[in-house]
Amino acid sequence: MRPKMRAFGRQTEADMTSETQSSLGAALGQVASGLFILTARKGEMQTAMLASWVQQAAFTPPAVTIAMAKDRPIANLLQEGDRLVVNVLPRGQGKLVGHFAKGFEPGDDPFVGIAVGETAGQQPFLSDALAYLNCVLKGRLDAGDHWIVLAEVQGGEKLGEGDPTTHTRKDGFRY
């Protein structure tokens, strides 16, 4: 017997009943992702953020998509043509996750106490990352409370051995 299918339509979170939101939130939370640190420098300003919604999007040219909340300082800093780095976190790097999960105000140095290298394009990458991808922002799509950023991968390097960190959430409506 097939389970009963629910139609959710284009409801917003506020439009849903608590039962519908709870059911859908539990299902959305099961979409696994990795944990990444996005890093960028633009002029004298540098910033970073913890990200979980990063996905390879193309082979030629290689590209990734990144979902970032519109209110994140990095989202406001980066425009089309700007560079950023996607740092892939290895399993067991709770220290890095904790450091970058707190977020940073514009002007704060996110790399205090963190080992950082520099790409050929002078973008910061985390020395303790499993790998990094050196990217150029190609565009963004409005996705409600997030931007979906398309970034062309122009270089990168595997820095260590091990497995990348994977992540699922209990509630698909919360990080």
C-alpha atoms as a PDB file:
ATOM      1  CA  MET A   1       0.000   0.000   0.000  1.00  0.00           C
ATOM      2  CA  ARG A   2       1.306   3.432  -0.975  1.00  0.00           C
ATOM      3  CA  PRO A   3       1.693   6.076   1.711  1.00  0.00           C
ATOM      4  CA  LYS A   4      -0.715   8.999   1.516  1.00  0.00           C
ATOM      5  CA  MET A   5       0.829  11.902  -0.433  1.00  0.00           C
ATOM      6  CA  ARG A   6       0.418  15.410   0.934  1.00  0.00           C
ATOM      7  CA  ALA A   7       0.220  18.441  -1.321  1.00  0.00           C
ATOM      8  CA  PHE A   8       1.954  21.450   0.186  1.00  0.00           C
ATOM      9  CA  GLY A   9       1.680  23.906  -2.719  1.00  0.00           C
ATOM     10  CA  ARG A  10       3.439  27.270  -2.393  1.00  0.00           C
ATOM     11  CA  GLN A  11       2.659  27.841   1.247  1.00  0.00           C
ATOM     12  CA  THR A  12       5.023  29.883   3.318  1.00  0.00           C
ATOM     13  CA  GLU A  13       6.187  28.575   6.660  1.00  0.00           C
ATOM     14  CA  ALA A  14       3.733  30.968   8.366  1.00  0.00           C
ATOM     15  CA  ASP A  15       0.805  29.575   6.297  1.00  0.00           C
ATOM     16  CA  MET A  16       1.373  25.975   7.395  1.00  0.00           C
ATOM     17  CA  THR A  17      -0.296  24.282  10.320  1.00  0.00           C
ATOM     18  CA  SER A  18       2.123  23.158  12.996  1.00  0.00           C
ATOM     19  CA  GLU A  19       1.449  19.512  12.027  1.00  0.00           C
ATOM     20  CA  THR A  20       2.184  20.185   8.347  1.00  0.00           C
ATOM     21  CA  GLN A  21       5.295  22.204   9.202  1.00  0.00           C
ATOM     22  CA  SER A  22       6.550  19.525  11.573  1.00  0.00           C
ATOM     23  CA  SER A  23       6.025  16.760   8.998  1.00  0.00           C
ATOM     24  CA  LEU A  24       7.583  18.680   6.124  1.00  0.00           C
ATOM     25  CA  GLY A  25      10.408  19.990   8.328  1.00  0.00           C
ATOM     26  CA  ALA A  26      11.340  16.445   9.363  1.00  0.00           C
ATOM     27  CA  ALA A  27      11.380  15.335   5.717  1.00  0.00           C
ATOM     28  CA  LEU A  28      13.405  18.348   4.490  1.00  0.00           C
ATOM     29  CA  GLY A  29      15.895  17.837   7.291  1.00  0.00           C
ATOM     30  CA  GLN A  30      16.804  14.439   5.846  1.00  0.00           C
ATOM     31  CA  VAL A  31      18.353  16.014   2.748  1.00  0.00           C
ATOM     32  CA  ALA A  32      22.013  15.435   3.549  1.00  0.00           C
ATOM     33  CA  SER A  33      24.649  18.037   2.825  1.00  0.00           C
ATOM     34  CA  GLY A  34      28.250  18.736   3.675  1.00  0.00           C
ATOM     35  CA  LEU A  35      29.770  21.378   5.896  1.00  0.00           C
ATOM     36  CA  PHE A  36      31.866  24.031   4.221  1.00  0.00           C
ATOM     37  CA  ILE A  37      33.468  27.344   5.104  1.00  0.00           C
ATOM     38  CA  LEU A  38      33.148  30.070   2.481  1.00  0.00           C
ATOM     39  CA  THR A  39      36.015  32.564   2.582  1.00  0.00           C
ATOM     40  CA  ALA A  40      36.499  35.776   0.652  1.00  0.00           C
ATOM     41  CA  ARG A  41      38.638  38.878   0.536  1.00  0.00           C
ATOM     42  CA  LYS A  42      37.683  42.035  -1.340  1.00  0.00           C
ATOM     43  CA  GLY A  43      40.077  44.917  -0.931  1.00  0.00           C
ATOM     44  CA  GLU A  44      40.795  45.275   2.794  1.00  0.00           C
ATOM     45  CA  MET A  45      37.589  43.429   3.752  1.00  0.00           C
ATOM     46  CA  GLN A  46      37.696  39.698   4.426  1.00  0.00           C
ATOM     47  CA  THR A  47      34.938  37.460   5.700  1.00  0.00           C
ATOM     48  CA  ALA A  48      33.885  33.854   6.113  1.00  0.00           C
ATOM     49  CA  MET A  49      30.785  31.825   6.883  1.00  0.00           C
ATOM     50  CA  LEU A  50      29.750  28.280   7.674  1.00  0.00           C
ATOM     51  CA  ALA A  51      27.703  26.849   4.794  1.00  0.00           C
ATOM     52  CA  SER A  52      25.900  23.569   4.370  1.00  0.00           C
ATOM     53  CA  TRP A  53      24.088  24.050   1.076  1.00  0.00           C
ATOM     54  CA  VAL A  54      26.868  23.643  -1.496  1.00  0.00           C
ATOM     55  CA  GLN A  55      26.542  21.309  -4.493  1.00  0.00           C
ATOM     56  CA  GLN A  56      28.522  20.615  -7.649  1.00  0.00           C
ATOM     57  CA  ALA A  57      26.474  21.976 -10.538  1.00  0.00           C
ATOM     58  CA  ALA A  58      28.508  21.421 -13.751  1.00  0.00           C
ATOM     59  CA  PHE A  59      31.494  19.597 -15.222  1.00  0.00           C
ATOM     60  CA  THR A  60      32.530  21.997 -18.006  1.00  0.00           C
ATOM     61  CA  PRO A  61      33.310  24.538 -16.851  1.00  0.00           C
ATOM     62  CA  PRO A  62      33.263  23.104 -13.335  1.00  0.00           C
ATOM     63  CA  ALA A  63      30.800  24.955 -11.123  1.00  0.00           C
ATOM     64  CA  VAL A  64      29.089  24.777  -7.748  1.00  0.00           C
ATOM     65  CA  THR A  65      25.905  26.285  -6.379  1.00  0.00           C
ATOM     66  CA  ILE A  66      25.816  27.786  -2.918  1.00  0.00           C
ATOM     67  CA  ALA A  67      22.718  28.805  -0.978  1.00  0.00           C
ATOM     68  CA  MET A  68      23.363  31.694   1.391  1.00  0.00           C
ATOM     69  CA  ALA A  69      20.950  33.660   3.537  1.00  0.00           C
ATOM     70  CA  LYS A  70      20.440  37.148   2.180  1.00  0.00           C
ATOM     71  CA  ASP A  71      21.334  38.756   5.508  1.00  0.00           C
ATOM     72  CA  ARG A  72      24.834  37.232   5.659  1.00  0.00           C
ATOM     73  CA  PRO A  73      27.629  39.814   5.334  1.00  0.00           C
ATOM     74  CA  ILE A  74      29.367  37.652   2.707  1.00  0.00           C
ATOM     75  CA  ALA A  75      26.205  37.749   0.544  1.00  0.00           C
ATOM     76  CA  ASN A  76      26.345  41.543   0.497  1.00  0.00           C
ATOM     77  CA  LEU A  77      30.098  41.644  -0.120  1.00  0.00           C
ATOM     78  CA  LEU A  78      30.148  39.391  -3.183  1.00  0.00           C
ATOM     79  CA  GLN A  79      28.972  40.545  -6.585  1.00  0.00           C
ATOM     80  CA  GLU A  80      29.251  38.953 -10.027  1.00  0.00           C
ATOM     81  CA  GLY A  81      32.930  38.521 -10.958  1.00  0.00           C
ATOM     82  CA  ASP A  82      34.160  38.489  -7.358  1.00  0.00           C
ATOM     83  CA  ARG A  83      36.255  35.604  -6.018  1.00  0.00           C
ATOM     84  CA  LEU A  84      35.471  33.282  -3.140  1.00  0.00           C
ATOM     85  CA  VAL A  85      36.784  29.990  -1.808  1.00  0.00           C
ATOM     86  CA  VAL A  86      34.747  26.934  -0.820  1.00  0.00           C
ATOM     87  CA  ASN A  87      36.640  25.072   1.920  1.00  0.00           C
ATOM     88  CA  VAL A  88      35.557  21.426   2.316  1.00  0.00           C
ATOM     89  CA  LEU A  89      35.672  20.436   5.984  1.00  0.00           C
ATOM     90  CA  PRO A  90      37.007  17.024   6.973  1.00  0.00           C
ATOM     91  CA  ARG A  91      35.071  14.898   9.438  1.00  0.00           C
ATOM     92  CA  GLY A  92      36.100  15.695  13.009  1.00  0.00           C
ATOM     93  CA  GLN A  93      36.778  19.439  12.576  1.00  0.00           C
ATOM     94  CA  GLY A  94      34.399  20.608  15.285  1.00  0.00           C
ATOM     95  CA  LYS A  95      36.796  23.410  16.218  1.00  0.00           C
ATOM     96  CA  LEU A  96      36.460  25.010  12.771  1.00  0.00           C
ATOM     97  CA  VAL A  97      32.694  24.475  12.694  1.00  0.00           C
ATOM     98  CA  GLY A  98      32.307  26.124  16.088  1.00  0.00           C
ATOM     99  CA  HIS A  99      34.567  29.035  15.186  1.00  0.00           C
ATOM    100  CA  PHE A 100      32.727  29.890  11.964  1.00  0.00           C
ATOM    101  CA  ALA A 101      29.192  28.986  13.120  1.00  0.00           C
ATOM    102  CA  LYS A 102      29.059  32.056  15.366  1.00  0.00           C
ATOM    103  CA  GLY A 103      29.200  34.414  12.363  1.00  0.00           C
ATOM    104  CA  PHE A 104      31.104  37.670  12.045  1.00  0.00           C
ATOM    105  CA  GLU A 105      30.169  41.303  11.827  1.00  0.00           C
ATOM    106  CA  PRO A 106      31.493  43.318   8.874  1.00  0.00           C
ATOM    107  CA  GLY A 107      35.040  44.405   9.698  1.00  0.00           C
ATOM    108  CA  ASP A 108      35.712  41.501  12.102  1.00  0.00           C
ATOM    109  CA  ASP A 109      38.710  39.328  11.229  1.00  0.00           C
ATOM    110  CA  PRO A 110      37.262  35.806  10.913  1.00  0.00           C
ATOM    111  CA  PHE A 111      40.706  34.195  10.765  1.00  0.00           C
ATOM    112  CA  VAL A 112      42.052  35.088  14.222  1.00  0.00           C
ATOM    113  CA  GLY A 113      43.648  31.892  15.570  1.00  0.00           C
ATOM    114  CA  ILE A 114      42.970  29.966  12.336  1.00  0.00           C
ATOM    115  CA  ALA A 115      45.711  28.657  10.009  1.00  0.00           C
ATOM    116  CA  VAL A 116      45.125  30.272   6.618  1.00  0.00           C
ATOM    117  CA  GLY A 117      46.853  30.022   3.244  1.00  0.00           C
ATOM    118  CA  GLU A 118      46.356  32.158   0.163  1.00  0.00           C
ATOM    119  CA  THR A 119      45.330  31.142  -3.349  1.00  0.00           C
ATOM    120  CA  ALA A 120      47.126  32.455  -6.432  1.00  0.00           C
ATOM    121  CA  GLY A 121      44.266  34.992  -6.649  1.00  0.00           C
ATOM    122  CA  GLN A 122      45.031  36.158  -3.086  1.00  0.00           C
ATOM    123  CA  GLN A 123      41.916  34.622  -1.546  1.00  0.00           C
ATOM    124  CA  PRO A 124      42.174  33.029   1.914  1.00  0.00           C
ATOM    125  CA  PHE A 125      41.730  29.272   2.321  1.00  0.00           C
ATOM    126  CA  LEU A 126      41.769  27.200   5.499  1.00  0.00           C
ATOM    127  CA  SER A 127      44.970  25.189   5.896  1.00  0.00           C
ATOM    128  CA  ASP A 128      43.062  22.542   7.894  1.00  0.00           C
ATOM    129  CA  ALA A 129      40.418  22.026   5.187  1.00  0.00           C
ATOM    130  CA  LEU A 130      40.209  18.692   3.392  1.00  0.00           C
ATOM    131  CA  ALA A 131      40.185  20.589   0.096  1.00  0.00           C
ATOM    132  CA  TYR A 132      39.421  24.015  -1.269  1.00  0.00           C
ATOM    133  CA  LEU A 133      37.829  25.284  -4.487  1.00  0.00           C
ATOM    134  CA  ASN A 134      38.883  28.670  -5.844  1.00  0.00           C
ATOM    135  CA  CYS A 135      35.777  30.180  -7.460  1.00  0.00           C
ATOM    136  CA  VAL A 136      34.424  33.196  -9.323  1.00  0.00           C
ATOM    137  CA  LEU A 137      30.829  34.255  -8.738  1.00  0.00           C
ATOM    138  CA  LYS A 138      28.916  34.034 -12.027  1.00  0.00           C
ATOM    139  CA  GLY A 139      25.433  34.995 -10.886  1.00  0.00           C
ATOM    140  CA  ARG A 140      22.736  34.639  -8.282  1.00  0.00           C
ATOM    141  CA  LEU A 141      19.107  33.607  -8.223  1.00  0.00           C
ATOM    142  CA  ASP A 142      16.551  34.908  -5.755  1.00  0.00           C
ATOM    143  CA  ALA A 143      15.248  31.941  -3.736  1.00  0.00           C
ATOM    144  CA  GLY A 144      13.124  33.690  -1.109  1.00  0.00           C
ATOM    145  CA  ASP A 145      15.178  34.166   2.052  1.00  0.00           C
ATOM    146  CA  HIS A 146      18.359  32.861   0.358  1.00  0.00           C
ATOM    147  CA  TRP A 147      20.421  33.591  -2.735  1.00  0.00           C
ATOM    148  CA  ILE A 148      21.425  30.653  -4.912  1.00  0.00           C
ATOM    149  CA  VAL A 149      24.902  31.596  -6.075  1.00  0.00           C
ATOM    150  CA  LEU A 150      26.494  30.026  -9.141  1.00  0.00           C
ATOM    151  CA  ALA A 151      30.269  29.938  -8.795  1.00  0.00           C
ATOM    152  CA  GLU A 152      32.658  28.738 -11.496  1.00  0.00           C
ATOM    153  CA  VAL A 153      35.503  26.674 -10.047  1.00  0.00           C
ATOM    154  CA  GLN A 154      38.783  27.922 -11.487  1.00  0.00           C
ATOM    155  CA  GLY A 155      41.169  25.968  -9.311  1.00  0.00           C
ATOM    156  CA  GLY A 156      41.553  24.091  -6.099  1.00  0.00           C
ATOM    157  CA  GLU A 157      43.568  21.581  -4.200  1.00  0.00           C
ATOM    158  CA  LYS A 158      43.066  18.541  -1.999  1.00  0.00           C
ATOM    159  CA  LEU A 159      44.955  19.330   1.204  1.00  0.00           C
ATOM    160  CA  GLY A 160      44.460  16.246   3.345  1.00  0.00           C
ATOM    161  CA  GLU A 161      43.182  12.728   3.658  1.00  0.00           C
ATOM    162  CA  GLY A 162      39.901  11.618   5.157  1.00  0.00           C
ATOM    163  CA  ASP A 163      36.208  11.985   4.523  1.00  0.00           C
ATOM    164  CA  PRO A 164      34.250  15.209   4.182  1.00  0.00           C
ATOM    165  CA  THR A 165      31.812  16.141   6.920  1.00  0.00           C
ATOM    166  CA  THR A 166      28.182  15.331   6.173  1.00  0.00           C
ATOM    167  CA  HIS A 167      25.229  16.886   7.918  1.00  0.00           C
ATOM    168  CA  THR A 168      21.485  16.311   8.316  1.00  0.00           C
ATOM    169  CA  ARG A 169      19.082  18.460  10.287  1.00  0.00           C
ATOM    170  CA  LYS A 170      16.187  17.533  12.586  1.00  0.00           C
ATOM    171  CA  ASP A 171      14.102  20.372  11.144  1.00  0.00           C
ATOM    172  CA  GLY A 172      14.306  21.446   7.502  1.00  0.00           C
ATOM    173  CA  PHE A 173      13.155  24.939   8.464  1.00  0.00           C
ATOM    174  CA  ARG A 174      16.164  25.601  10.709  1.00  0.00           C
ATOM    175  CA  TYR A 175      19.939  25.310  10.266  1.00  0.00           C
END
